[in-house]
Structures are given as C-alpha cells and as structure tokens.
Amino acid sequence: MLPPGNSANAQSPEARLRSYSHAIWDQLATDLRERTGIDTGYRRCGSIEVCEVAERESFQNQVSEWKSEGVRVESLDRNALERDVPGLHEKFEHGVYLPDFGQVRNPRYLKALLAACQDLGVEVIENAEQLRLSASKSAHITASTQSRTFQVDRICVAAGAWTAGILDSIDVRMPVKPVRGQMVQLKASKLPFTRVIEQGRRYLVPRADGLILVGSTEEHVGFEKCNTSEGVSGLLKFAESIVPELSRAEMMRGWAGLRPGSPDELPFLGRVPGFDNLFVAAGHFRSGLQMSPGTGTVMADLLLDREPDIKLSGLTFDRILQLP
C-alpha cells in the first residue's frame, strides 16, 4: 500500500519521507518496467478509509492531518460508500476517499529491482552466512562473511529486523526489533471492490487478478516467522467485518513477515556517529516498502556526499539519545 503525500506541506519526519516517496513512485515504476520488462503492479487505485462510531474522534484527527498536509480527501456518505464498495458492512455510515492512494505487487517490485541492479552491473550475493562488521582503529568499517571480506569505501546496513544484530558486532546498539505481521490472501469469484479499504491499521487490498490481501497483525514474538491459527482467524473475521461477502471467498494462502520496529515507528537514516564510512537505513516498521523510493534516494545522496532533497531531522541515528 502506497499512501499519498504532499511535499509542499509535509512537516513531520514521517510526512516528509512519505510524501517524498509518493512523488517518486510513478517514475520509478515506469523506469523499472522499461529497463526490465517487469510490471510491478504499481497503480493509483485510491483507498476508502472507514471507521466505527467508537473510532470517530481518532479518525477525524487523521482526516484533519491529511487535509492540513494538502492531501486530496473526499468525504463519503453511506450511499457513496456503497457505490465504491458494494456490500460494505452496514455499520459504516461515513468514510473518506483518498484518490491518490496507490499499490504495488511486492514480489514483482523486488524482482524488478533485482533485475535492474544486475543490469546495471551490481554484484548481488545471496544467502551469505555469518555476516559480520569489523572496525579498525580509525573507525573504518569492513564487512565479511565465512568466505569473503569486503573492502569498501562506504557501507550501508539496511537489513530490516536483523539490522541490530549486525551492528552488535561493532558494539553499536540500535533499538530495532522484529514485529511479526501475518497476512492472508483470499480469492473472490468476482472482485467486490477495486480500491484499498482501511480501518485503522488493518486493510484489504484488491488485486487486478481477483486476489485480496488481508492484513495485518502486529506481534512482538521475536524472530518467529510463522502463521498462527489465532492470527489467521482474526484476519478472516476482520475481512468479513468489512465486507460480509468475503466469508465465501476462497482462502489461497497465508504468510508472515518480520517488520523492523523502532521506538517511534520511524526509520534511522544516515551516518552512524563514531564511524567514518558506516551508514544505516532501517527501522521503517510498517512503511519500508512504501518509503523505499525516498529512502533509496536519500541514502544514495548521503553515500555520495550530496545534500538530500528533504530534511532528515527526526530520522537520523542520533535521535535515539532523545528517546525515553
């Protein structure tokens, strides 16, 4: 899911990186398709945001934030909701429509990125075991595996939930921990809606081929990457609570991933204090893929000693000193 943004009015660290990424997605998807021939499934599908009566206050606060940022928001009454989402549960009387909300097919996107990197001559080493960082007396970092040592000018650790473990080898403590997210994939004989539907932090994402993603849980269970009956059943109940017709949809599969959670749910971007060539880009929590274009561009600028296009205050490594 790719939420919209407006860089002109983005004030918070999250809004700055989200809106910056939002502005890049169109061209990135086009460039990847032209270079690799892979369709990432990127499209501006719009989203419907709904809430129940008990959630009305927090929902209105979110809507006010979108409007103050200059994000396009359209209010929907019950009739308008039913036009966009036939069969929407009757408990939802009001909602909003975000026309600039997008989506991308994660596996296709990663496949295209890999193909593009290889086309540009990037060496990709997969399944490397026992990756370890070492620091010289001059605070210069090298990386090594069981079979190879890498002598590099700059190194960027972007290992998601595993970033803290890698940095531990040089006694850098980073507050990034795994948060399990379970997902379920359904298939409807006839796709009942075409826009993303969100209620709070849970969502339904319709794909053009009739598949519907249902997500997601947030579980602090360490590095346990598996589905549970509780997690799957909860997601199925959520889907039915939004569109009751989905109780008859075919369940295709379920899977789980590990999000890199940080104390404030924001990433750490930039140089690691105390080292001359070590950078980090991790801790995006739920927003890693959607913020990947902005993150990649920012990190490329930093690694090449260029000034990024956005302010990084609130996103740098040293902010952990200000956290409780």
C-alpha atoms as a PDB file:
ATOM      1  CA  MET A   1       0.000   0.000   0.000  1.00  0.00           C
ATOM      2  CA  LEU A   2       1.286   3.420  -1.005  1.00  0.00           C
ATOM      3  CA  PRO A   3      -0.397   6.285   0.858  1.00  0.00           C
ATOM      4  CA  PRO A   4      -0.365   9.768  -0.673  1.00  0.00           C
ATOM      5  CA  GLY A   5       1.538  12.818   0.443  1.00  0.00           C
ATOM      6  CA  ASN A   6       2.202  16.437  -0.384  1.00  0.00           C
ATOM      7  CA  SER A   7       5.819  17.538  -0.040  1.00  0.00           C
ATOM      8  CA  ALA A   8       4.910  21.222  -0.096  1.00  0.00           C
ATOM      9  CA  ASN A   9       3.154  20.968   3.274  1.00  0.00           C
ATOM     10  CA  ALA A  10       4.815  17.934   4.867  1.00  0.00           C
ATOM     11  CA  GLN A  11       6.032  18.898   8.332  1.00  0.00           C
ATOM     12  CA  SER A  12       6.607  15.756  10.401  1.00  0.00           C
ATOM     13  CA  PRO A  13       9.512  13.368   9.694  1.00  0.00           C
ATOM     14  CA  GLU A  14       7.041  10.675   8.627  1.00  0.00           C
ATOM     15  CA  ALA A  15       5.170  13.012   6.288  1.00  0.00           C
ATOM     16  CA  ARG A  16       8.379  14.289   4.683  1.00  0.00           C
ATOM     17  CA  LEU A  17       9.658  10.818   3.793  1.00  0.00           C
ATOM     18  CA  ARG A  18       6.207   9.514   2.812  1.00  0.00           C
ATOM     19  CA  SER A  19       5.449  12.451   0.521  1.00  0.00           C
ATOM     20  CA  TYR A  20       8.946  12.352  -0.989  1.00  0.00           C
ATOM     21  CA  SER A  21       8.496   8.676  -1.821  1.00  0.00           C
ATOM     22  CA  HIS A  22       4.997   9.301  -3.155  1.00  0.00           C
ATOM     23  CA  ALA A  23       6.394  11.788  -5.679  1.00  0.00           C
ATOM     24  CA  ILE A  24       8.954   9.235  -6.936  1.00  0.00           C
ATOM     25  CA  TRP A  25       6.757   6.147  -7.366  1.00  0.00           C
ATOM     26  CA  ASP A  26       5.286   6.961 -10.798  1.00  0.00           C
ATOM     27  CA  GLN A  27       8.649   7.425 -12.500  1.00  0.00           C
ATOM     28  CA  LEU A  28      10.303   4.564 -10.627  1.00  0.00           C
ATOM     29  CA  ALA A  29       7.659   2.077 -11.739  1.00  0.00           C
ATOM     30  CA  THR A  30       7.966   3.302 -15.330  1.00  0.00           C
ATOM     31  CA  ASP A  31      11.771   3.105 -15.272  1.00  0.00           C
ATOM     32  CA  LEU A  32      11.743  -0.425 -13.857  1.00  0.00           C
ATOM     33  CA  ARG A  33       9.254  -1.635 -16.461  1.00  0.00           C
ATOM     34  CA  GLU A  34      11.230  -0.091 -19.331  1.00  0.00           C
ATOM     35  CA  ARG A  35      14.559  -1.467 -18.094  1.00  0.00           C
ATOM     36  CA  THR A  36      13.434  -4.948 -17.039  1.00  0.00           C
ATOM     37  CA  GLY A  37      10.128  -5.612 -18.782  1.00  0.00           C
ATOM     38  CA  ILE A  38       8.612  -6.435 -15.380  1.00  0.00           C
ATOM     39  CA  ASP A  39       5.270  -4.912 -14.454  1.00  0.00           C
ATOM     40  CA  THR A  40       5.461  -4.213 -10.723  1.00  0.00           C
ATOM     41  CA  GLY A  41       1.680  -3.920 -10.436  1.00  0.00           C
ATOM     42  CA  TYR A  42       2.010  -0.277  -9.435  1.00  0.00           C
ATOM     43  CA  ARG A  43      -1.160   1.753  -9.895  1.00  0.00           C
ATOM     44  CA  ARG A  44      -3.086   4.583  -8.325  1.00  0.00           C
ATOM     45  CA  CYS A  45      -6.166   2.705  -7.168  1.00  0.00           C
ATOM     46  CA  GLY A  46      -7.418   5.051  -4.457  1.00  0.00           C
ATOM     47  CA  SER A  47      -8.459   3.995  -0.974  1.00  0.00           C
ATOM     48  CA  ILE A  48     -11.573   4.060   1.146  1.00  0.00           C
ATOM     49  CA  GLU A  49     -10.978   4.808   4.825  1.00  0.00           C
ATOM     50  CA  VAL A  50     -13.737   3.775   7.204  1.00  0.00           C
ATOM     51  CA  CYS A  51     -14.310   3.800  10.943  1.00  0.00           C
ATOM     52  CA  GLU A  52     -16.824   2.682  13.525  1.00  0.00           C
ATOM     53  CA  VAL A  53     -18.568   5.054  15.908  1.00  0.00           C
ATOM     54  CA  ALA A  54     -16.067   4.417  18.723  1.00  0.00           C
ATOM     55  CA  GLU A  55     -13.184   5.343  16.419  1.00  0.00           C
ATOM     56  CA  ARG A  56     -14.728   8.577  15.145  1.00  0.00           C
ATOM     57  CA  GLU A  57     -12.551  11.022  17.090  1.00  0.00           C
ATOM     58  CA  SER A  58      -9.190   9.500  16.106  1.00  0.00           C
ATOM     59  CA  PHE A  59     -10.458   9.091  12.559  1.00  0.00           C
ATOM     60  CA  GLN A  60     -11.379  12.769  12.288  1.00  0.00           C
ATOM     61  CA  ASN A  61      -7.966  13.728  13.652  1.00  0.00           C
ATOM     62  CA  GLN A  62      -6.330  11.702  10.882  1.00  0.00           C
ATOM     63  CA  VAL A  63      -8.557  13.289   8.249  1.00  0.00           C
ATOM     64  CA  SER A  64      -7.620  16.735   9.576  1.00  0.00           C
ATOM     65  CA  GLU A  65      -3.925  15.855   9.283  1.00  0.00           C
ATOM     66  CA  TRP A  66      -4.360  14.776   5.667  1.00  0.00           C
ATOM     67  CA  LYS A  67      -6.196  17.967   4.826  1.00  0.00           C
ATOM     68  CA  SER A  68      -3.641  20.193   6.556  1.00  0.00           C
ATOM     69  CA  GLU A  69      -0.918  18.461   4.544  1.00  0.00           C
ATOM     70  CA  GLY A  70      -2.794  19.161   1.318  1.00  0.00           C
ATOM     71  CA  VAL A  71      -3.607  15.518   0.555  1.00  0.00           C
ATOM     72  CA  ARG A  72      -6.765  15.163  -1.551  1.00  0.00           C
ATOM     73  CA  VAL A  73      -9.587  13.848   0.649  1.00  0.00           C
ATOM     74  CA  GLU A  74     -13.242  13.399  -0.273  1.00  0.00           C
ATOM     75  CA  SER A  75     -15.952  12.780   2.327  1.00  0.00           C
ATOM     76  CA  LEU A  76     -18.321   9.873   1.635  1.00  0.00           C
ATOM     77  CA  ASP A  77     -21.802   9.246   2.997  1.00  0.00           C
ATOM     78  CA  ARG A  78     -23.396   5.815   3.117  1.00  0.00           C
ATOM     79  CA  ASN A  79     -24.680   5.988  -0.463  1.00  0.00           C
ATOM     80  CA  ALA A  80     -21.251   6.940  -1.780  1.00  0.00           C
ATOM     81  CA  LEU A  81     -19.615   4.156   0.243  1.00  0.00           C
ATOM     82  CA  GLU A  82     -21.986   1.596  -1.242  1.00  0.00           C
ATOM     83  CA  ARG A  83     -21.202   2.784  -4.769  1.00  0.00           C
ATOM     84  CA  ASP A  84     -17.480   2.201  -4.219  1.00  0.00           C
ATOM     85  CA  VAL A  85     -17.783  -0.888  -2.025  1.00  0.00           C
ATOM     86  CA  PRO A  86     -20.960  -2.834  -2.762  1.00  0.00           C
ATOM     87  CA  GLY A  87     -21.753  -4.995   0.233  1.00  0.00           C
ATOM     88  CA  LEU A  88     -19.839  -2.887   2.732  1.00  0.00           C
ATOM     89  CA  HIS A  89     -20.991  -3.719   6.250  1.00  0.00           C
ATOM     90  CA  GLU A  90     -23.955  -1.604   7.305  1.00  0.00           C
ATOM     91  CA  LYS A  91     -22.177  -0.367  10.460  1.00  0.00           C
ATOM     92  CA  PHE A  92     -20.103   2.016   8.345  1.00  0.00           C
ATOM     93  CA  GLU A  93     -22.120   5.181   7.716  1.00  0.00           C
ATOM     94  CA  HIS A  94     -19.315   7.585   6.806  1.00  0.00           C
ATOM     95  CA  GLY A  95     -15.842   7.411   5.304  1.00  0.00           C
ATOM     96  CA  VAL A  96     -13.343   9.237   3.149  1.00  0.00           C
ATOM     97  CA  TYR A  97     -11.798   8.598  -0.241  1.00  0.00           C
ATOM     98  CA  LEU A  98      -8.099   9.203  -0.957  1.00  0.00           C
ATOM     99  CA  PRO A  99      -7.852   9.263  -4.773  1.00  0.00           C
ATOM    100  CA  ASP A 100      -4.037   9.391  -4.874  1.00  0.00           C
ATOM    101  CA  PHE A 101      -3.521   6.253  -2.785  1.00  0.00           C
ATOM    102  CA  GLY A 102      -1.578   3.568  -4.679  1.00  0.00           C
ATOM    103  CA  GLN A 103      -0.490  -0.041  -4.524  1.00  0.00           C
ATOM    104  CA  VAL A 104       2.310  -2.236  -5.846  1.00  0.00           C
ATOM    105  CA  ARG A 105       2.847  -6.003  -6.015  1.00  0.00           C
ATOM    106  CA  ASN A 106       5.679  -6.552  -3.530  1.00  0.00           C
ATOM    107  CA  PRO A 107       7.250  -9.697  -5.087  1.00  0.00           C
ATOM    108  CA  ARG A 108       7.167  -8.177  -8.575  1.00  0.00           C
ATOM    109  CA  TYR A 109       8.668  -4.935  -7.314  1.00  0.00           C
ATOM    110  CA  LEU A 110      11.557  -6.747  -5.636  1.00  0.00           C
ATOM    111  CA  LYS A 111      12.073  -8.921  -8.715  1.00  0.00           C
ATOM    112  CA  ALA A 112      12.261  -5.795 -10.896  1.00  0.00           C
ATOM    113  CA  LEU A 113      14.691  -4.073  -8.520  1.00  0.00           C
ATOM    114  CA  LEU A 114      16.974  -7.103  -8.525  1.00  0.00           C
ATOM    115  CA  ALA A 115      16.890  -7.354 -12.322  1.00  0.00           C
ATOM    116  CA  ALA A 116      17.583  -3.630 -12.707  1.00  0.00           C
ATOM    117  CA  CYS A 117      20.545  -3.760 -10.315  1.00  0.00           C
ATOM    118  CA  GLN A 118      22.053  -6.724 -12.163  1.00  0.00           C
ATOM    119  CA  ASP A 119      21.501  -4.962 -15.489  1.00  0.00           C
ATOM    120  CA  LEU A 120      23.495  -2.024 -14.110  1.00  0.00           C
ATOM    121  CA  GLY A 121      26.363  -4.296 -13.098  1.00  0.00           C
ATOM    122  CA  VAL A 122      25.659  -4.567  -9.385  1.00  0.00           C
ATOM    123  CA  GLU A 123      27.049  -7.723  -7.793  1.00  0.00           C
ATOM    124  CA  VAL A 124      24.379  -9.399  -5.692  1.00  0.00           C
ATOM    125  CA  ILE A 125      25.468 -12.016  -3.161  1.00  0.00           C
ATOM    126  CA  GLU A 126      22.587 -14.023  -1.718  1.00  0.00           C
ATOM    127  CA  ASN A 127      22.332 -16.334   1.295  1.00  0.00           C
ATOM    128  CA  ALA A 128      25.579 -15.051   2.800  1.00  0.00           C
ATOM    129  CA  GLU A 129      26.124 -16.654   6.190  1.00  0.00           C
ATOM    130  CA  GLN A 130      27.666 -15.142   9.318  1.00  0.00           C
ATOM    131  CA  LEU A 131      27.844 -11.589   8.003  1.00  0.00           C
ATOM    132  CA  ARG A 132      29.994  -9.567  10.368  1.00  0.00           C
ATOM    133  CA  LEU A 133      31.241  -5.996  10.600  1.00  0.00           C
ATOM    134  CA  SER A 134      34.712  -5.089  11.861  1.00  0.00           C
ATOM    135  CA  ALA A 135      36.047  -1.689  12.906  1.00  0.00           C
ATOM    136  CA  SER A 136      39.656  -0.586  12.515  1.00  0.00           C
ATOM    137  CA  LYS A 137      41.393   1.784  14.931  1.00  0.00           C
ATOM    138  CA  SER A 138      40.495   4.624  12.579  1.00  0.00           C
ATOM    139  CA  ALA A 139      36.786   3.698  12.876  1.00  0.00           C
ATOM    140  CA  HIS A 140      36.697   2.412   9.305  1.00  0.00           C
ATOM    141  CA  ILE A 141      34.261  -0.477   8.795  1.00  0.00           C
ATOM    142  CA  THR A 142      34.761  -3.614   6.732  1.00  0.00           C
ATOM    143  CA  ALA A 143      32.275  -6.442   6.230  1.00  0.00           C
ATOM    144  CA  SER A 144      32.993 -10.151   5.971  1.00  0.00           C
ATOM    145  CA  THR A 145      31.245 -13.493   5.581  1.00  0.00           C
ATOM    146  CA  GLN A 146      32.550 -17.014   6.065  1.00  0.00           C
ATOM    147  CA  SER A 147      34.302 -16.930   2.717  1.00  0.00           C
ATOM    148  CA  ARG A 148      34.938 -13.309   1.808  1.00  0.00           C
ATOM    149  CA  THR A 149      35.996  -9.927   3.180  1.00  0.00           C
ATOM    150  CA  PHE A 150      34.691  -6.769   1.556  1.00  0.00           C
ATOM    151  CA  GLN A 151      36.918  -3.698   1.473  1.00  0.00           C
ATOM    152  CA  VAL A 152      34.552  -0.809   0.761  1.00  0.00           C
ATOM    153  CA  ASP A 153      34.597   2.977   0.732  1.00  0.00           C
ATOM    154  CA  ARG A 154      31.109   3.201   2.206  1.00  0.00           C
ATOM    155  CA  ILE A 155      28.822   0.590   3.713  1.00  0.00           C
ATOM    156  CA  CYS A 156      25.100   0.902   4.386  1.00  0.00           C
ATOM    157  CA  VAL A 157      23.331  -1.581   6.643  1.00  0.00           C
ATOM    158  CA  ALA A 158      19.715  -1.950   5.538  1.00  0.00           C
ATOM    159  CA  ALA A 159      18.858  -5.348   6.968  1.00  0.00           C
ATOM    160  CA  GLY A 160      15.404  -4.668   8.345  1.00  0.00           C
ATOM    161  CA  ALA A 161      14.648  -6.501  11.587  1.00  0.00           C
ATOM    162  CA  TRP A 162      18.147  -8.047  11.530  1.00  0.00           C
ATOM    163  CA  THR A 163      19.969  -4.694  11.469  1.00  0.00           C
ATOM    164  CA  ALA A 164      20.507  -4.528  15.223  1.00  0.00           C
ATOM    165  CA  GLY A 165      22.130  -7.966  15.230  1.00  0.00           C
ATOM    166  CA  ILE A 166      24.599  -6.946  12.529  1.00  0.00           C
ATOM    167  CA  LEU A 167      25.514  -3.712  14.317  1.00  0.00           C
ATOM    168  CA  ASP A 168      26.015  -5.588  17.585  1.00  0.00           C
ATOM    169  CA  SER A 169      29.272  -6.964  16.181  1.00  0.00           C
ATOM    170  CA  ILE A 170      30.813  -3.480  16.470  1.00  0.00           C
ATOM    171  CA  ASP A 171      29.057  -2.647  19.767  1.00  0.00           C
ATOM    172  CA  VAL A 172      26.523  -0.292  18.215  1.00  0.00           C
ATOM    173  CA  ARG A 173      23.184  -0.644  19.972  1.00  0.00           C
ATOM    174  CA  MET A 174      20.240   0.101  17.753  1.00  0.00           C
ATOM    175  CA  PRO A 175      16.637  -0.144  19.058  1.00  0.00           C
ATOM    176  CA  VAL A 176      15.187  -2.042  16.098  1.00  0.00           C
ATOM    177  CA  LYS A 177      13.281  -5.213  16.937  1.00  0.00           C
ATOM    178  CA  PRO A 178      11.225  -7.687  14.893  1.00  0.00           C
ATOM    179  CA  VAL A 179       7.445  -7.279  14.902  1.00  0.00           C
ATOM    180  CA  ARG A 180       5.612 -10.146  13.234  1.00  0.00           C
ATOM    181  CA  GLY A 181       2.899  -9.317  10.742  1.00  0.00           C
ATOM    182  CA  GLN A 182       0.628 -12.076   9.469  1.00  0.00           C
ATOM    183  CA  MET A 183      -1.213 -11.813   6.152  1.00  0.00           C
ATOM    184  CA  VAL A 184      -3.943 -13.790   4.423  1.00  0.00           C
ATOM    185  CA  GLN A 185      -4.688 -13.966   0.702  1.00  0.00           C
ATOM    186  CA  LEU A 186      -8.255 -14.523  -0.466  1.00  0.00           C
ATOM    187  CA  LYS A 187      -9.742 -15.012  -3.912  1.00  0.00           C
ATOM    188  CA  ALA A 188     -13.257 -13.928  -4.806  1.00  0.00           C
ATOM    189  CA  SER A 189     -15.150 -15.288  -7.783  1.00  0.00           C
ATOM    190  CA  LYS A 190     -15.992 -11.670  -8.563  1.00  0.00           C
ATOM    191  CA  LEU A 191     -13.892  -8.885  -7.077  1.00  0.00           C
ATOM    192  CA  PRO A 192     -16.354  -6.951  -4.887  1.00  0.00           C
ATOM    193  CA  PHE A 193     -14.303  -3.735  -4.788  1.00  0.00           C
ATOM    194  CA  THR A 194     -11.329  -2.200  -6.575  1.00  0.00           C
ATOM    195  CA  ARG A 195      -9.999   0.277  -4.028  1.00  0.00           C
ATOM    196  CA  VAL A 196      -7.921  -0.397  -0.933  1.00  0.00           C
ATOM    197  CA  ILE A 197     -10.079  -0.387   2.197  1.00  0.00           C
ATOM    198  CA  GLU A 198      -8.536   0.608   5.503  1.00  0.00           C
ATOM    199  CA  GLN A 199      -9.907   0.584   9.016  1.00  0.00           C
ATOM    200  CA  GLY A 200      -7.285   1.860  11.399  1.00  0.00           C
ATOM    201  CA  ARG A 201      -4.114  -0.180  10.874  1.00  0.00           C
ATOM    202  CA  ARG A 202      -5.835  -3.098   9.140  1.00  0.00           C
ATOM    203  CA  TYR A 203      -6.694  -3.278   5.481  1.00  0.00           C
ATOM    204  CA  LEU A 204      -7.993  -5.086   2.411  1.00  0.00           C
ATOM    205  CA  VAL A 205      -6.014  -4.725  -0.806  1.00  0.00           C
ATOM    206  CA  PRO A 206      -7.713  -5.856  -4.044  1.00  0.00           C
ATOM    207  CA  ARG A 207      -5.510  -7.053  -6.899  1.00  0.00           C
ATOM    208  CA  ALA A 208      -6.477  -6.891 -10.558  1.00  0.00           C
ATOM    209  CA  ASP A 209      -6.444 -10.698 -10.828  1.00  0.00           C
ATOM    210  CA  GLY A 210      -9.156 -11.143  -8.187  1.00  0.00           C
ATOM    211  CA  LEU A 211      -6.884 -11.718  -5.206  1.00  0.00           C
ATOM    212  CA  ILE A 212      -7.457  -9.795  -1.992  1.00  0.00           C
ATOM    213  CA  LEU A 213      -4.776  -9.268   0.662  1.00  0.00           C
ATOM    214  CA  VAL A 214      -5.954  -9.069   4.258  1.00  0.00           C
ATOM    215  CA  GLY A 215      -3.603  -7.603   6.838  1.00  0.00           C
ATOM    216  CA  SER A 216      -2.169  -7.383   9.253  1.00  0.00           C
ATOM    217  CA  THR A 217      -1.234  -8.389  12.769  1.00  0.00           C
ATOM    218  CA  GLU A 218       1.381  -6.751  14.989  1.00  0.00           C
ATOM    219  CA  GLU A 219       3.029  -9.265  17.308  1.00  0.00           C
ATOM    220  CA  HIS A 220       6.140  -8.928  19.463  1.00  0.00           C
ATOM    221  CA  VAL A 221       7.291 -12.550  19.371  1.00  0.00           C
ATOM    222  CA  GLY A 222      10.937 -12.182  18.394  1.00  0.00           C
ATOM    223  CA  PHE A 223      12.115 -13.836  15.202  1.00  0.00           C
ATOM    224  CA  GLU A 224       9.213 -16.302  14.977  1.00  0.00           C
ATOM    225  CA  LYS A 225       8.149 -16.026  11.354  1.00  0.00           C
ATOM    226  CA  CYS A 226       5.077 -18.234  11.084  1.00  0.00           C
ATOM    227  CA  ASN A 227       1.317 -18.127  10.832  1.00  0.00           C
ATOM    228  CA  THR A 228      -0.864 -18.964  13.798  1.00  0.00           C
ATOM    229  CA  SER A 229      -4.481 -20.069  13.958  1.00  0.00           C
ATOM    230  CA  GLU A 230      -5.261 -17.050  16.133  1.00  0.00           C
ATOM    231  CA  GLY A 231      -3.667 -14.635  13.692  1.00  0.00           C
ATOM    232  CA  VAL A 232      -5.273 -16.116  10.585  1.00  0.00           C
ATOM    233  CA  SER A 233      -8.729 -16.415  12.143  1.00  0.00           C
ATOM    234  CA  GLY A 234      -8.536 -12.830  13.347  1.00  0.00           C
ATOM    235  CA  LEU A 235      -7.734 -11.597   9.838  1.00  0.00           C
ATOM    236  CA  LEU A 236     -10.558 -13.600   8.311  1.00  0.00           C
ATOM    237  CA  LYS A 237     -13.007 -12.178  10.862  1.00  0.00           C
ATOM    238  CA  PHE A 238     -11.744  -8.681  10.084  1.00  0.00           C
ATOM    239  CA  ALA A 239     -12.315  -9.193   6.334  1.00  0.00           C
ATOM    240  CA  GLU A 240     -15.866 -10.389   6.980  1.00  0.00           C
ATOM    241  CA  SER A 241     -16.499  -7.447   9.315  1.00  0.00           C
ATOM    242  CA  ILE A 242     -15.725  -5.064   6.442  1.00  0.00           C
ATOM    243  CA  VAL A 243     -17.364  -6.916   3.539  1.00  0.00           C
ATOM    244  CA  PRO A 244     -19.507  -9.824   4.810  1.00  0.00           C
ATOM    245  CA  GLU A 245     -19.500 -11.410   1.341  1.00  0.00           C
ATOM    246  CA  LEU A 246     -15.832 -12.295   1.869  1.00  0.00           C
ATOM    247  CA  SER A 247     -16.924 -15.105   4.203  1.00  0.00           C
ATOM    248  CA  ARG A 248     -17.480 -17.069   0.975  1.00  0.00           C
ATOM    249  CA  ALA A 249     -14.129 -16.165  -0.596  1.00  0.00           C
ATOM    250  CA  GLU A 250     -11.547 -18.895  -1.131  1.00  0.00           C
ATOM    251  CA  MET A 251      -8.551 -18.737   1.168  1.00  0.00           C
ATOM    252  CA  MET A 252      -5.477 -19.106  -1.019  1.00  0.00           C
ATOM    253  CA  ARG A 253      -2.645 -18.883   1.490  1.00  0.00           C
ATOM    254  CA  GLY A 254      -1.205 -17.107   4.495  1.00  0.00           C
ATOM    255  CA  TRP A 255       2.269 -15.897   5.354  1.00  0.00           C
ATOM    256  CA  ALA A 256       4.135 -13.874   7.935  1.00  0.00           C
ATOM    257  CA  GLY A 257       6.941 -11.344   7.838  1.00  0.00           C
ATOM    258  CA  LEU A 258       9.071  -9.521  10.372  1.00  0.00           C
ATOM    259  CA  ARG A 259       8.826  -5.758  10.409  1.00  0.00           C
ATOM    260  CA  PRO A 260      11.727  -3.709  11.779  1.00  0.00           C
ATOM    261  CA  GLY A 261      10.076  -1.889  14.664  1.00  0.00           C
ATOM    262  CA  SER A 262      11.668   1.212  16.199  1.00  0.00           C
ATOM    263  CA  PRO A 263      10.548   3.039  19.365  1.00  0.00           C
ATOM    264  CA  ASP A 264       8.791   5.806  17.399  1.00  0.00           C
ATOM    265  CA  GLU A 265       7.956   3.653  14.330  1.00  0.00           C
ATOM    266  CA  LEU A 266      10.257   5.793  12.167  1.00  0.00           C
ATOM    267  CA  PRO A 267      13.420   4.715  10.336  1.00  0.00           C
ATOM    268  CA  PHE A 268      17.006   5.600  11.130  1.00  0.00           C
ATOM    269  CA  LEU A 269      18.683   7.115   8.066  1.00  0.00           C
ATOM    270  CA  GLY A 270      22.232   8.337   7.691  1.00  0.00           C
ATOM    271  CA  ARG A 271      25.741   8.045   9.053  1.00  0.00           C
ATOM    272  CA  VAL A 272      26.341   6.206  12.304  1.00  0.00           C
ATOM    273  CA  PRO A 273      28.124   8.545  14.746  1.00  0.00           C
ATOM    274  CA  GLY A 274      31.672   7.498  15.557  1.00  0.00           C
ATOM    275  CA  PHE A 275      32.430   5.786  12.222  1.00  0.00           C
ATOM    276  CA  ASP A 276      33.746   7.368   9.051  1.00  0.00           C
ATOM    277  CA  ASN A 277      32.130   5.071   6.463  1.00  0.00           C
ATOM    278  CA  LEU A 278      29.157   3.387   8.159  1.00  0.00           C
ATOM    279  CA  PHE A 279      25.573   4.289   7.258  1.00  0.00           C
ATOM    280  CA  VAL A 280      22.257   2.760   8.230  1.00  0.00           C
ATOM    281  CA  ALA A 281      18.747   2.679   6.755  1.00  0.00           C
ATOM    282  CA  ALA A 282      16.449   0.625   8.949  1.00  0.00           C
ATOM    283  CA  GLY A 283      13.531   0.739  11.358  1.00  0.00           C
ATOM    284  CA  HIS A 284      10.739   1.661   8.936  1.00  0.00           C
ATOM    285  CA  PHE A 285       8.288  -0.644  10.770  1.00  0.00           C
ATOM    286  CA  ARG A 286       5.146  -0.851   8.581  1.00  0.00           C
ATOM    287  CA  SER A 287       6.338   1.631   5.970  1.00  0.00           C
ATOM    288  CA  GLY A 288       9.508   0.131   4.495  1.00  0.00           C
ATOM    289  CA  LEU A 289       8.224  -0.721   1.054  1.00  0.00           C
ATOM    290  CA  GLN A 290       6.117   2.402   0.586  1.00  0.00           C
ATOM    291  CA  MET A 291       9.030   4.614   1.668  1.00  0.00           C
ATOM    292  CA  SER A 292      11.665   2.685  -0.278  1.00  0.00           C
ATOM    293  CA  PRO A 293      11.956   5.151  -3.216  1.00  0.00           C
ATOM    294  CA  GLY A 294      12.584   8.089  -0.888  1.00  0.00           C
ATOM    295  CA  THR A 295      14.861   6.065   1.369  1.00  0.00           C
ATOM    296  CA  GLY A 296      16.950   4.810  -1.546  1.00  0.00           C
ATOM    297  CA  THR A 297      17.314   8.292  -2.993  1.00  0.00           C
ATOM    298  CA  VAL A 298      18.240   9.835   0.352  1.00  0.00           C
ATOM    299  CA  MET A 299      20.816   7.152   1.100  1.00  0.00           C
ATOM    300  CA  ALA A 300      22.363   7.438  -2.371  1.00  0.00           C
ATOM    301  CA  ASP A 301      22.746  11.176  -1.790  1.00  0.00           C
ATOM    302  CA  LEU A 302      24.366  10.652   1.611  1.00  0.00           C
ATOM    303  CA  LEU A 303      26.725   7.938   0.373  1.00  0.00           C
ATOM    304  CA  LEU A 304      27.842  10.222  -2.462  1.00  0.00           C
ATOM    305  CA  ASP A 305      28.228  13.280  -0.205  1.00  0.00           C
ATOM    306  CA  ARG A 306      25.267  15.080  -1.739  1.00  0.00           C
ATOM    307  CA  GLU A 307      22.690  17.084   0.174  1.00  0.00           C
ATOM    308  CA  PRO A 308      19.340  15.205   0.245  1.00  0.00           C
ATOM    309  CA  ASP A 309      16.263  16.952  -1.091  1.00  0.00           C
ATOM    310  CA  ILE A 310      14.425  16.587   2.226  1.00  0.00           C
ATOM    311  CA  LYS A 311      15.325  17.467   5.797  1.00  0.00           C
ATOM    312  CA  LEU A 312      16.316  14.424   7.833  1.00  0.00           C
ATOM    313  CA  SER A 313      15.614  15.855  11.285  1.00  0.00           C
ATOM    314  CA  GLY A 314      13.735  13.230  13.271  1.00  0.00           C
ATOM    315  CA  LEU A 315      15.068  10.442  11.048  1.00  0.00           C
ATOM    316  CA  THR A 316      18.758  10.342  11.943  1.00  0.00           C
ATOM    317  CA  PHE A 317      20.541   7.813  14.102  1.00  0.00           C
ATOM    318  CA  ASP A 318      21.408  10.256  16.896  1.00  0.00           C
ATOM    319  CA  ARG A 319      17.756  10.897  17.791  1.00  0.00           C
ATOM    320  CA  ILE A 320      17.752   7.786  19.996  1.00  0.00           C
ATOM    321  CA  LEU A 321      19.574   9.900  22.543  1.00  0.00           C
ATOM    322  CA  GLN A 322      16.367  11.896  22.919  1.00  0.00           C
ATOM    323  CA  LEU A 323      14.065   8.921  23.364  1.00  0.00           C
ATOM    324  CA  PRO A 324      12.878   7.827  26.839  1.00  0.00           C
END
